[in-house]
Amino acid sequence: MKVLVVGSGGREHALAWKLAASANVSKVFVAPGNAGTAMEDGVSNLDIGPMDFDSLLEFAQKEGIGLTVVGPEAPLVAGMVDR
């Protein structure tokens, strides 16, 4: 399964690192990620901001993302889950 992690902080780094270690996960994408997530095996940063819902949705549909994990509260409060 492909996973998308939204955010750029230490919380998102820890989530991406642990998700990438799962045998059930083939690839982890982090939008936008950080320098730490860029160095993790099985993890790729994306040039998409956490509030760019249209681009995140388009990417998730195109890549067949099976799970999205949102780290920061702002996208949740702004209605990301409704997308």
PDB file of N, CA and C in Angstrom:
ATOM      1  N   MET A   1       0.839  -1.170   0.000  1.00  0.00           N
ATOM      2  CA  MET A   1       0.000   0.000   0.000  1.00  0.00           C
ATOM      3  C   MET A   1       0.890   1.242   0.000  1.00  0.00           C
ATOM      4  N   LYS A   2       0.453   2.261  -0.716  1.00  0.00           N
ATOM      5  CA  LYS A   2       1.120   3.556  -0.715  1.00  0.00           C
ATOM      6  C   LYS A   2       0.442   4.453   0.311  1.00  0.00           C
ATOM      7  N   VAL A   3       1.270   5.214   1.051  1.00  0.00           N
ATOM      8  CA  VAL A   3       0.774   6.078   2.117  1.00  0.00           C
ATOM      9  C   VAL A   3       1.232   7.509   1.861  1.00  0.00           C
ATOM     10  N   LEU A   4       0.342   8.449   2.136  1.00  0.00           N
ATOM     11  CA  LEU A   4       0.662   9.876   2.062  1.00  0.00           C
ATOM     12  C   LEU A   4       0.610  10.457   3.466  1.00  0.00           C
ATOM     13  N   VAL A   5       1.707  11.079   3.887  1.00  0.00           N
ATOM     14  CA  VAL A   5       1.763  11.782   5.166  1.00  0.00           C
ATOM     15  C   VAL A   5       1.794  13.271   4.848  1.00  0.00           C
ATOM     16  N   VAL A   6       0.900  14.028   5.460  1.00  0.00           N
ATOM     17  CA  VAL A   6       0.819  15.463   5.213  1.00  0.00           C
ATOM     18  C   VAL A   6       1.462  16.205   6.379  1.00  0.00           C
ATOM     19  N   GLY A   7       2.433  17.061   6.069  1.00  0.00           N
ATOM     20  CA  GLY A   7       3.092  17.876   7.078  1.00  0.00           C
ATOM     21  C   GLY A   7       4.593  17.907   6.889  1.00  0.00           C
ATOM     22  N   SER A   8       5.260  18.704   7.724  1.00  0.00           N
ATOM     23  CA  SER A   8       6.702  18.888   7.541  1.00  0.00           C
ATOM     24  C   SER A   8       7.503  18.887   8.844  1.00  0.00           C
ATOM     25  N   GLY A   9       6.896  18.511   9.926  1.00  0.00           N
ATOM     26  CA  GLY A   9       7.593  18.569  11.209  1.00  0.00           C
ATOM     27  C   GLY A   9       8.160  17.241  11.666  1.00  0.00           C
ATOM     28  N   GLY A  10       8.624  17.240  12.900  1.00  0.00           N
ATOM     29  CA  GLY A  10       9.177  16.031  13.499  1.00  0.00           C
ATOM     30  C   GLY A  10       8.137  14.941  13.669  1.00  0.00           C
ATOM     31  N   ARG A  11       6.904  15.331  13.946  1.00  0.00           N
ATOM     32  CA  ARG A  11       5.815  14.350  14.084  1.00  0.00           C
ATOM     33  C   ARG A  11       5.624  13.583  12.769  1.00  0.00           C
ATOM     34  N   GLU A  12       5.614  14.317  11.673  1.00  0.00           N
ATOM     35  CA  GLU A  12       5.435  13.686  10.373  1.00  0.00           C
ATOM     36  C   GLU A  12       6.637  12.824   9.994  1.00  0.00           C
ATOM     37  N   HIS A  13       7.831  13.256  10.396  1.00  0.00           N
ATOM     38  CA  HIS A  13       9.030  12.457  10.149  1.00  0.00           C
ATOM     39  C   HIS A  13       8.914  11.119  10.873  1.00  0.00           C
ATOM     40  N   ALA A  14       8.530  11.154  12.138  1.00  0.00           N
ATOM     41  CA  ALA A  14       8.389   9.916  12.911  1.00  0.00           C
ATOM     42  C   ALA A  14       7.317   9.008  12.311  1.00  0.00           C
ATOM     43  N   LEU A  15       6.206   9.584  11.901  1.00  0.00           N
ATOM     44  CA  LEU A  15       5.143   8.789  11.276  1.00  0.00           C
ATOM     45  C   LEU A  15       5.620   8.149   9.971  1.00  0.00           C
ATOM     46  N   ALA A  16       6.262   8.936   9.131  1.00  0.00           N
ATOM     47  CA  ALA A  16       6.743   8.422   7.843  1.00  0.00           C
ATOM     48  C   ALA A  16       7.771   7.319   8.042  1.00  0.00           C
ATOM     49  N   TRP A  17       8.693   7.520   8.960  1.00  0.00           N
ATOM     50  CA  TRP A  17       9.743   6.531   9.246  1.00  0.00           C
ATOM     51  C   TRP A  17       9.129   5.207   9.690  1.00  0.00           C
ATOM     52  N   LYS A  18       8.170   5.273  10.602  1.00  0.00           N
ATOM     53  CA  LYS A  18       7.556   4.050  11.120  1.00  0.00           C
ATOM     54  C   LYS A  18       6.679   3.383  10.069  1.00  0.00           C
ATOM     55  N   LEU A  19       5.931   4.162   9.316  1.00  0.00           N
ATOM     56  CA  LEU A  19       5.100   3.598   8.254  1.00  0.00           C
ATOM     57  C   LEU A  19       5.955   2.911   7.190  1.00  0.00           C
ATOM     58  N   ALA A  20       7.082   3.513   6.842  1.00  0.00           N
ATOM     59  CA  ALA A  20       7.965   2.935   5.821  1.00  0.00           C
ATOM     60  C   ALA A  20       8.546   1.594   6.276  1.00  0.00           C
ATOM     61  N   ALA A  21       8.619   1.374   7.579  1.00  0.00           N
ATOM     62  CA  ALA A  21       9.158   0.116   8.104  1.00  0.00           C
ATOM     63  C   ALA A  21       8.148  -1.034   8.043  1.00  0.00           C
ATOM     64  N   SER A  22       6.894  -0.733   7.770  1.00  0.00           N
ATOM     65  CA  SER A  22       5.858  -1.763   7.727  1.00  0.00           C
ATOM     66  C   SER A  22       5.959  -2.604   6.452  1.00  0.00           C
ATOM     67  N   ALA A  23       5.801  -3.898   6.602  1.00  0.00           N
ATOM     68  CA  ALA A  23       5.798  -4.798   5.443  1.00  0.00           C
ATOM     69  C   ALA A  23       4.584  -4.565   4.557  1.00  0.00           C
ATOM     70  N   ASN A  24       3.552  -3.929   5.087  1.00  0.00           N
ATOM     71  CA  ASN A  24       2.332  -3.658   4.323  1.00  0.00           C
ATOM     72  C   ASN A  24       2.406  -2.387   3.494  1.00  0.00           C
ATOM     73  N   VAL A  25       3.458  -1.620   3.668  1.00  0.00           N
ATOM     74  CA  VAL A  25       3.595  -0.329   2.993  1.00  0.00           C
ATOM     75  C   VAL A  25       4.703  -0.423   1.944  1.00  0.00           C
ATOM     76  N   SER A  26       4.344  -0.104   0.699  1.00  0.00           N
ATOM     77  CA  SER A  26       5.329  -0.160  -0.384  1.00  0.00           C
ATOM     78  C   SER A  26       6.068   1.159  -0.576  1.00  0.00           C
ATOM     79  N   LYS A  27       5.411   2.281  -0.253  1.00  0.00           N
ATOM     80  CA  LYS A  27       6.017   3.601  -0.446  1.00  0.00           C
ATOM     81  C   LYS A  27       5.308   4.605   0.444  1.00  0.00           C
ATOM     82  N   VAL A  28       6.081   5.546   0.987  1.00  0.00           N
ATOM     83  CA  VAL A  28       5.531   6.644   1.788  1.00  0.00           C
ATOM     84  C   VAL A  28       5.920   7.953   1.110  1.00  0.00           C
ATOM     85  N   PHE A  29       4.932   8.797   0.899  1.00  0.00           N
ATOM     86  CA  PHE A  29       5.143  10.136   0.366  1.00  0.00           C
ATOM     87  C   PHE A  29       4.821  11.124   1.477  1.00  0.00           C
ATOM     88  N   VAL A  30       5.637  12.186   1.593  1.00  0.00           N
ATOM     89  CA  VAL A  30       5.405  13.202   2.607  1.00  0.00           C
ATOM     90  C   VAL A  30       5.285  14.556   1.918  1.00  0.00           C
ATOM     91  N   ALA A  31       4.187  15.253   2.201  1.00  0.00           N
ATOM     92  CA  ALA A  31       3.938  16.544   1.576  1.00  0.00           C
ATOM     93  C   ALA A  31       3.865  17.627   2.642  1.00  0.00           C
ATOM     94  N   PRO A  32       4.806  18.533   2.724  1.00  0.00           N
ATOM     95  CA  PRO A  32       5.982  18.644   1.874  1.00  0.00           C
ATOM     96  C   PRO A  32       7.198  17.896   2.406  1.00  0.00           C
ATOM     97  N   GLY A  33       7.153  17.432   3.640  1.00  0.00           N
ATOM     98  CA  GLY A  33       8.307  16.741   4.205  1.00  0.00           C
ATOM     99  C   GLY A  33       9.364  17.705   4.691  1.00  0.00           C
ATOM    100  N   ASN A  34      10.523  17.162   5.034  1.00  0.00           N
ATOM    101  CA  ASN A  34      11.642  17.982   5.529  1.00  0.00           C
ATOM    102  C   ASN A  34      12.956  17.280   5.189  1.00  0.00           C
ATOM    103  N   ALA A  35      14.058  17.849   5.637  1.00  0.00           N
ATOM    104  CA  ALA A  35      15.374  17.271   5.323  1.00  0.00           C
ATOM    105  C   ALA A  35      15.517  15.863   5.882  1.00  0.00           C
ATOM    106  N   GLY A  36      14.926  15.595   7.031  1.00  0.00           N
ATOM    107  CA  GLY A  36      15.002  14.264   7.633  1.00  0.00           C
ATOM    108  C   GLY A  36      14.223  13.228   6.847  1.00  0.00           C
ATOM    109  N   THR A  37      13.015  13.574   6.431  1.00  0.00           N
ATOM    110  CA  THR A  37      12.217  12.613   5.670  1.00  0.00           C
ATOM    111  C   THR A  37      12.849  12.338   4.307  1.00  0.00           C
ATOM    112  N   ALA A  38      13.566  13.318   3.769  1.00  0.00           N
ATOM    113  CA  ALA A  38      14.236  13.131   2.477  1.00  0.00           C
ATOM    114  C   ALA A  38      15.333  12.073   2.551  1.00  0.00           C
ATOM    115  N   MET A  39      15.846  11.798   3.754  1.00  0.00           N
ATOM    116  CA  MET A  39      16.939  10.845   3.920  1.00  0.00           C
ATOM    117  C   MET A  39      16.477   9.432   4.259  1.00  0.00           C
ATOM    118  N   GLU A  40      15.180   9.259   4.508  1.00  0.00           N
ATOM    119  CA  GLU A  40      14.672   7.944   4.914  1.00  0.00           C
ATOM    120  C   GLU A  40      14.453   7.032   3.707  1.00  0.00           C
ATOM    121  N   ASP A  41      14.812   5.757   3.861  1.00  0.00           N
ATOM    122  CA  ASP A  41      14.552   4.776   2.815  1.00  0.00           C
ATOM    123  C   ASP A  41      13.058   4.553   2.681  1.00  0.00           C
ATOM    124  N   GLY A  42      12.589   4.485   1.443  1.00  0.00           N
ATOM    125  CA  GLY A  42      11.175   4.226   1.195  1.00  0.00           C
ATOM    126  C   GLY A  42      10.278   5.430   1.354  1.00  0.00           C
ATOM    127  N   VAL A  43      10.884   6.614   1.561  1.00  0.00           N
ATOM    128  CA  VAL A  43      10.117   7.847   1.774  1.00  0.00           C
ATOM    129  C   VAL A  43      10.539   8.876   0.729  1.00  0.00           C
ATOM    130  N   SER A  44       9.543   9.549   0.146  1.00  0.00           N
ATOM    131  CA  SER A  44       9.815  10.615  -0.824  1.00  0.00           C
ATOM    132  C   SER A  44       9.055  11.866  -0.428  1.00  0.00           C
ATOM    133  N   ASN A  45       9.740  13.000  -0.460  1.00  0.00           N
ATOM    134  CA  ASN A  45       9.089  14.285  -0.223  1.00  0.00           C
ATOM    135  C   ASN A  45       8.393  14.760  -1.488  1.00  0.00           C
ATOM    136  N   LEU A  46       7.322  15.495  -1.310  1.00  0.00           N
ATOM    137  CA  LEU A  46       6.581  16.077  -2.420  1.00  0.00           C
ATOM    138  C   LEU A  46       6.602  17.590  -2.292  1.00  0.00           C
ATOM    139  N   ASP A  47       6.596  18.267  -3.413  1.00  0.00           N
ATOM    140  CA  ASP A  47       6.546  19.726  -3.415  1.00  0.00           C
ATOM    141  C   ASP A  47       5.086  20.179  -3.431  1.00  0.00           C
ATOM    142  N   ILE A  48       4.350  19.776  -2.395  1.00  0.00           N
ATOM    143  CA  ILE A  48       2.944  20.140  -2.252  1.00  0.00           C
ATOM    144  C   ILE A  48       2.740  20.586  -0.802  1.00  0.00           C
ATOM    145  N   GLY A  49       2.178  21.753  -0.615  1.00  0.00           N
ATOM    146  CA  GLY A  49       1.931  22.275   0.720  1.00  0.00           C
ATOM    147  C   GLY A  49       0.772  21.562   1.407  1.00  0.00           C
ATOM    148  N   PRO A  50       0.757  21.563   2.730  1.00  0.00           N
ATOM    149  CA  PRO A  50      -0.288  20.857   3.474  1.00  0.00           C
ATOM    150  C   PRO A  50      -1.688  21.466   3.330  1.00  0.00           C
ATOM    151  N   MET A  51      -1.780  22.694   2.840  1.00  0.00           N
ATOM    152  CA  MET A  51      -3.083  23.328   2.662  1.00  0.00           C
ATOM    153  C   MET A  51      -3.528  23.332   1.195  1.00  0.00           C
ATOM    154  N   ASP A  52      -2.738  22.748   0.317  1.00  0.00           N
ATOM    155  CA  ASP A  52      -3.078  22.675  -1.113  1.00  0.00           C
ATOM    156  C   ASP A  52      -3.911  21.422  -1.363  1.00  0.00           C
ATOM    157  N   PHE A  53      -5.160  21.456  -0.922  1.00  0.00           N
ATOM    158  CA  PHE A  53      -6.026  20.278  -0.962  1.00  0.00           C
ATOM    159  C   PHE A  53      -6.227  19.743  -2.374  1.00  0.00           C
ATOM    160  N   ASP A  54      -6.377  20.624  -3.352  1.00  0.00           N
ATOM    161  CA  ASP A  54      -6.596  20.167  -4.726  1.00  0.00           C
ATOM    162  C   ASP A  54      -5.415  19.348  -5.234  1.00  0.00           C
ATOM    163  N   SER A  55      -4.205  19.830  -5.010  1.00  0.00           N
ATOM    164  CA  SER A  55      -3.012  19.110  -5.469  1.00  0.00           C
ATOM    165  C   SER A  55      -2.808  17.813  -4.698  1.00  0.00           C
ATOM    166  N   LEU A  56      -3.086  17.842  -3.396  1.00  0.00           N
ATOM    167  CA  LEU A  56      -2.965  16.616  -2.597  1.00  0.00           C
ATOM    168  C   LEU A  56      -3.951  15.560  -3.066  1.00  0.00           C
ATOM    169  N   LEU A  57      -5.181  15.958  -3.329  1.00  0.00           N
ATOM    170  CA  LEU A  57      -6.198  15.023  -3.808  1.00  0.00           C
ATOM    171  C   LEU A  57      -5.822  14.466  -5.176  1.00  0.00           C
ATOM    172  N   GLU A  58      -5.377  15.336  -6.061  1.00  0.00           N
ATOM    173  CA  GLU A  58      -4.970  14.894  -7.403  1.00  0.00           C
ATOM    174  C   GLU A  58      -3.823  13.881  -7.311  1.00  0.00           C
ATOM    175  N   PHE A  59      -2.830  14.176  -6.467  1.00  0.00           N
ATOM    176  CA  PHE A  59      -1.704  13.262  -6.299  1.00  0.00           C
ATOM    177  C   PHE A  59      -2.171  11.926  -5.739  1.00  0.00           C
ATOM    178  N   ALA A  60      -3.001  11.966  -4.710  1.00  0.00           N
ATOM    179  CA  ALA A  60      -3.479  10.728  -4.077  1.00  0.00           C
ATOM    180  C   ALA A  60      -4.246   9.857  -5.060  1.00  0.00           C
ATOM    181  N   GLN A  61      -5.067  10.463  -5.874  1.00  0.00           N
ATOM    182  CA  GLN A  61      -5.828   9.695  -6.860  1.00  0.00           C
ATOM    183  C   GLN A  61      -4.910   9.134  -7.939  1.00  0.00           C
ATOM    184  N   LYS A  62      -3.984   9.939  -8.415  1.00  0.00           N
ATOM    185  CA  LYS A  62      -3.061   9.511  -9.470  1.00  0.00           C
ATOM    186  C   LYS A  62      -2.168   8.364  -9.011  1.00  0.00           C
ATOM    187  N   GLU A  63      -1.679   8.428  -7.762  1.00  0.00           N
ATOM    188  CA  GLU A  63      -0.742   7.430  -7.238  1.00  0.00           C
ATOM    189  C   GLU A  63      -1.427   6.233  -6.583  1.00  0.00           C
ATOM    190  N   GLY A  64      -2.746   6.274  -6.419  1.00  0.00           N
ATOM    191  CA  GLY A  64      -3.446   5.171  -5.761  1.00  0.00           C
ATOM    192  C   GLY A  64      -3.108   5.074  -4.282  1.00  0.00           C
ATOM    193  N   ILE A  65      -3.096   6.201  -3.601  1.00  0.00           N
ATOM    194  CA  ILE A  65      -2.781   6.241  -2.173  1.00  0.00           C
ATOM    195  C   ILE A  65      -3.866   5.494  -1.400  1.00  0.00           C
ATOM    196  N   GLY A  66      -3.449   4.561  -0.549  1.00  0.00           N
ATOM    197  CA  GLY A  66      -4.387   3.763   0.228  1.00  0.00           C
ATOM    198  C   GLY A  66      -4.698   4.342   1.596  1.00  0.00           C
ATOM    199  N   LEU A  67      -3.811   5.204   2.109  1.00  0.00           N
ATOM    200  CA  LEU A  67      -3.996   5.794   3.436  1.00  0.00           C
ATOM    201  C   LEU A  67      -3.327   7.154   3.456  1.00  0.00           C
ATOM    202  N   THR A  68      -4.036   8.140   3.997  1.00  0.00           N
ATOM    203  CA  THR A  68      -3.462   9.470   4.200  1.00  0.00           C
ATOM    204  C   THR A  68      -3.460   9.760   5.689  1.00  0.00           C
ATOM    205  N   VAL A  69      -2.298  10.186   6.195  1.00  0.00           N
ATOM    206  CA  VAL A  69      -2.143  10.537   7.604  1.00  0.00           C
ATOM    207  C   VAL A  69      -1.823  12.029   7.658  1.00  0.00           C
ATOM    208  N   VAL A  70      -2.657  12.785   8.362  1.00  0.00           N
ATOM    209  CA  VAL A  70      -2.472  14.233   8.451  1.00  0.00           C
ATOM    210  C   VAL A  70      -1.884  14.570   9.813  1.00  0.00           C
ATOM    211  N   GLY A  71      -0.703  15.181   9.814  1.00  0.00           N
ATOM    212  CA  GLY A  71      -0.043  15.534  11.069  1.00  0.00           C
ATOM    213  C   GLY A  71      -0.519  16.847  11.647  1.00  0.00           C
ATOM    214  N   PRO A  72      -0.438  17.949  10.899  1.00  0.00           N
ATOM    215  CA  PRO A  72      -0.803  19.245  11.473  1.00  0.00           C
ATOM    216  C   PRO A  72      -2.319  19.415  11.627  1.00  0.00           C
ATOM    217  N   GLU A  73      -2.693  20.213  12.593  1.00  0.00           N
ATOM    218  CA  GLU A  73      -4.109  20.430  12.849  1.00  0.00           C
ATOM    219  C   GLU A  73      -4.765  21.346  11.824  1.00  0.00           C
ATOM    220  N   ALA A  74      -4.028  22.321  11.294  1.00  0.00           N
ATOM    221  CA  ALA A  74      -4.614  23.324  10.396  1.00  0.00           C
ATOM    222  C   ALA A  74      -5.345  22.711   9.195  1.00  0.00           C
ATOM    223  N   PRO A  75      -4.756  21.735   8.487  1.00  0.00           N
ATOM    224  CA  PRO A  75      -5.494  21.149   7.358  1.00  0.00           C
ATOM    225  C   PRO A  75      -6.768  20.426   7.807  1.00  0.00           C
ATOM    226  N   LEU A  76      -6.731  19.830   8.981  1.00  0.00           N
ATOM    227  CA  LEU A  76      -7.927  19.145   9.490  1.00  0.00           C
ATOM    228  C   LEU A  76      -9.029  20.151   9.794  1.00  0.00           C
ATOM    229  N   VAL A  77      -8.656  21.242  10.458  1.00  0.00           N
ATOM    230  CA  VAL A  77      -9.628  22.277  10.804  1.00  0.00           C
ATOM    231  C   VAL A  77     -10.207  22.904   9.543  1.00  0.00           C
ATOM    232  N   ALA A  78      -9.380  23.020   8.496  1.00  0.00           N
ATOM    233  CA  ALA A  78      -9.829  23.635   7.244  1.00  0.00           C
ATOM    234  C   ALA A  78     -10.663  22.698   6.377  1.00  0.00           C
ATOM    235  N   GLY A  79     -10.857  21.460   6.810  1.00  0.00           N
ATOM    236  CA  GLY A  79     -11.761  20.554   6.104  1.00  0.00           C
ATOM    237  C   GLY A  79     -11.122  19.535   5.187  1.00  0.00           C
ATOM    238  N   MET A  80      -9.846  19.239   5.379  1.00  0.00           N
ATOM    239  CA  MET A  80      -9.181  18.264   4.502  1.00  0.00           C
ATOM    240  C   MET A  80      -9.926  16.927   4.460  1.00  0.00           C
ATOM    241  N   VAL A  81     -10.428  16.493   5.589  1.00  0.00           N
ATOM    242  CA  VAL A  81     -11.096  15.181   5.654  1.00  0.00           C
ATOM    243  C   VAL A  81     -12.342  15.137   4.759  1.00  0.00           C
ATOM    244  N   ASP A  82     -12.928  16.303   4.479  1.00  0.00           N
ATOM    245  CA  ASP A  82     -14.116  16.339   3.634  1.00  0.00           C
ATOM    246  C   ASP A  82     -13.773  16.097   2.172  1.00  0.00           C
ATOM    247  N   ARG A  83     -12.502  16.212   1.817  1.00  0.00           N
ATOM    248  CA  ARG A  83     -12.077  15.956   0.446  1.00  0.00           C
ATOM    249  C   ARG A  83     -11.954  14.474   0.214  1.00  0.00           C
TER     250      ARG A  83
END
